[in-house]
C-alpha atoms as a PDB file:
ATOM      1  CA  MET A   1       1.318 -14.312  -9.626  1.00  0.00           C
ATOM      2  CA  THR A   2       3.385 -17.231  -8.510  1.00  0.00           C
ATOM      3  CA  ARG A   3       1.891 -20.468  -7.192  1.00  0.00           C
ATOM      4  CA  ARG A   4       2.996 -19.749  -3.590  1.00  0.00           C
ATOM      5  CA  THR A   5       1.551 -16.033  -3.706  1.00  0.00           C
ATOM      6  CA  ASN A   6      -1.847 -17.494  -5.132  1.00  0.00           C
ATOM      7  CA  ALA A   7      -1.702 -20.299  -2.223  1.00  0.00           C
ATOM      8  CA  LEU A   8      -1.030 -17.758   0.461  1.00  0.00           C
ATOM      9  CA  LEU A   9      -3.770 -15.319  -0.749  1.00  0.00           C
ATOM     10  CA  ALA A  10      -6.066 -18.129  -0.986  1.00  0.00           C
ATOM     11  CA  ALA A  11      -5.704 -19.248   2.362  1.00  0.00           C
ATOM     12  CA  LEU A  12      -5.943 -15.653   3.677  1.00  0.00           C
ATOM     13  CA  VAL A  13      -9.102 -15.148   2.137  1.00  0.00           C
ATOM     14  CA  ALA A  14     -10.349 -18.335   3.429  1.00  0.00           C
ATOM     15  CA  GLY A  15      -9.570 -17.631   6.865  1.00  0.00           C
ATOM     16  CA  ALA A  16     -11.027 -13.908   6.602  1.00  0.00           C
ATOM     17  CA  LEU A  17     -14.329 -15.468   5.242  1.00  0.00           C
ATOM     18  CA  THR A  18     -14.452 -18.018   8.129  1.00  0.00           C
ATOM     19  CA  SER A  19     -14.179 -15.106  10.618  1.00  0.00           C
ATOM     20  CA  VAL A  20     -16.772 -12.979   8.771  1.00  0.00           C
ATOM     21  CA  SER A  21     -19.069 -15.997   8.548  1.00  0.00           C
ATOM     22  CA  ALA A  22     -18.728 -16.796  12.354  1.00  0.00           C
ATOM     23  CA  VAL A  23     -19.460 -12.965  13.429  1.00  0.00           C
ATOM     24  CA  SER A  24     -22.598 -13.076  11.189  1.00  0.00           C
ATOM     25  CA  ILE A  25     -24.064 -16.165  12.783  1.00  0.00           C
ATOM     26  CA  ALA A  26     -23.467 -14.958  16.311  1.00  0.00           C
ATOM     27  CA  GLN A  27     -25.312 -11.618  15.245  1.00  0.00           C
ATOM     28  CA  THR A  28     -28.367 -13.459  13.631  1.00  0.00           C
ATOM     29  CA  SER A  29     -29.682 -14.730  16.951  1.00  0.00           C
ATOM     30  CA  ASP A  30     -32.663 -13.286  18.460  1.00  0.00           C
ATOM     31  CA  ALA A  31     -30.966 -12.449  21.802  1.00  0.00           C
ATOM     32  CA  PRO A  32     -28.638  -9.476  22.029  1.00  0.00           C
ATOM     33  CA  MET A  33     -25.166 -10.348  22.162  1.00  0.00           C
ATOM     34  CA  THR A  34     -23.570 -10.416  25.641  1.00  0.00           C
ATOM     35  CA  HIS A  35     -20.032  -9.354  26.511  1.00  0.00           C
ATOM     36  CA  ALA A  36     -19.278 -13.142  26.916  1.00  0.00           C
ATOM     37  CA  ASP A  37     -20.665 -13.555  23.201  1.00  0.00           C
ATOM     38  CA  LYS A  38     -18.517 -10.648  21.987  1.00  0.00           C
ATOM     39  CA  LYS A  39     -15.548 -11.765  23.684  1.00  0.00           C
ATOM     40  CA  ALA A  40     -15.961 -15.335  22.335  1.00  0.00           C
ATOM     41  CA  ALA A  41     -16.436 -14.258  18.987  1.00  0.00           C
ATOM     42  CA  LYS A  42     -12.987 -11.835  18.979  1.00  0.00           C
ATOM     43  CA  LYS A  43     -11.260 -15.050  20.425  1.00  0.00           C
ATOM     44  CA  GLN A  44     -12.709 -17.072  17.645  1.00  0.00           C
ATOM     45  CA  ALA A  45     -11.590 -14.478  14.823  1.00  0.00           C
ATOM     46  CA  GLU A  46      -8.020 -14.683  16.394  1.00  0.00           C
ATOM     47  CA  ALA A  47      -7.832 -18.288  16.572  1.00  0.00           C
ATOM     48  CA  ASP A  48      -9.137 -18.338  12.708  1.00  0.00           C
ATOM     49  CA  LYS A  49      -6.824 -15.724  11.775  1.00  0.00           C
ATOM     50  CA  ASP A  50      -3.879 -17.978  13.503  1.00  0.00           C
ATOM     51  CA  ALA A  51      -5.113 -20.928  11.658  1.00  0.00           C
ATOM     52  CA  ALA A  52      -5.111 -19.078   8.505  1.00  0.00           C
ATOM     53  CA  VAL A  53      -1.431 -17.741   9.017  1.00  0.00           C
ATOM     54  CA  ALA A  54      -0.409 -21.372   9.931  1.00  0.00           C
ATOM     55  CA  GLN A  55      -2.124 -22.890   6.867  1.00  0.00           C
ATOM     56  CA  ALA A  56      -0.511 -20.118   4.803  1.00  0.00           C
ATOM     57  CA  LYS A  57       2.724 -21.020   5.942  1.00  0.00           C
ATOM     58  CA  ALA A  58       2.514 -24.891   5.513  1.00  0.00           C
ATOM     59  CA  ASP A  59       1.123 -24.000   1.887  1.00  0.00           C
ATOM     60  CA  LYS A  60       4.154 -22.105   1.032  1.00  0.00           C
ATOM     61  CA  LYS A  61       6.725 -24.702   2.607  1.00  0.00           C
ATOM     62  CA  LYS A  62       4.931 -27.360   0.574  1.00  0.00           C
ATOM     63  CA  THR A  63       4.924 -25.418  -2.364  1.00  0.00           C
ATOM     64  CA  GLU A  64       8.804 -24.738  -2.022  1.00  0.00           C
ATOM     65  CA  SER A  65       9.325 -28.403  -1.365  1.00  0.00           C
ATOM     66  CA  GLN A  66       7.511 -29.395  -4.472  1.00  0.00           C
ATOM     67  CA  SER A  67       9.550 -26.831  -6.436  1.00  0.00           C
ATOM     68  CA  GLU A  68      12.666 -28.301  -5.252  1.00  0.00           C
ATOM     69  CA  ALA A  69      11.677 -31.841  -6.082  1.00  0.00           C
ATOM     70  CA  ASN A  70      10.734 -30.454  -9.648  1.00  0.00           C
ATOM     71  CA  GLU A  71      14.167 -29.094 -10.051  1.00  0.00           C
ATOM     72  CA  ALA A  72      15.950 -31.849  -8.923  1.00  0.00           C
ATOM     73  CA  ALA A  73      13.699 -34.370 -11.183  1.00  0.00           C
ATOM     74  CA  ALA A  74      14.799 -31.886 -14.006  1.00  0.00           C
ATOM     75  CA  ASP A  75      18.367 -32.140 -13.317  1.00  0.00           C
ATOM     76  CA  ALA A  76      18.295 -36.082 -13.088  1.00  0.00           C
ATOM     77  CA  LYS A  77      16.475 -35.916 -16.419  1.00  0.00           C
ATOM     78  CA  LEU A  78      19.193 -33.686 -18.052  1.00  0.00           C
ATOM     79  CA  LYS A  79      22.043 -36.048 -16.686  1.00  0.00           C
ATOM     80  CA  ASN A  80      20.296 -39.003 -18.227  1.00  0.00           C
ATOM     81  CA  ALA A  81      19.810 -37.413 -21.484  1.00  0.00           C
ATOM     82  CA  LYS A  82      23.429 -36.225 -21.385  1.00  0.00           C
ATOM     83  CA  LYS A  83      24.548 -39.947 -20.719  1.00  0.00           C
ATOM     84  CA  ALA A  84      22.545 -41.229 -23.529  1.00  0.00           C
ATOM     85  CA  ASP A  85      24.140 -39.086 -25.955  1.00  0.00           C
END
């Protein structure tokens, strides 16, 4: 897998785990979950998902930028090597 794919998967897994842990914490209390609690947990899960997607997009953009910078550095090294000959 490529670095971008790995970064994307890692962000999605992290977001999913955060959502699961938030719901499980809410369910471990002694009192039964009220409608408001369920609604809040759903909104939190949606926010976590949105954050995971945003993070994955940012990671992808960063990875692409780093790749472009590495390519430019390699091109510069090649030009310098050709000049040295």
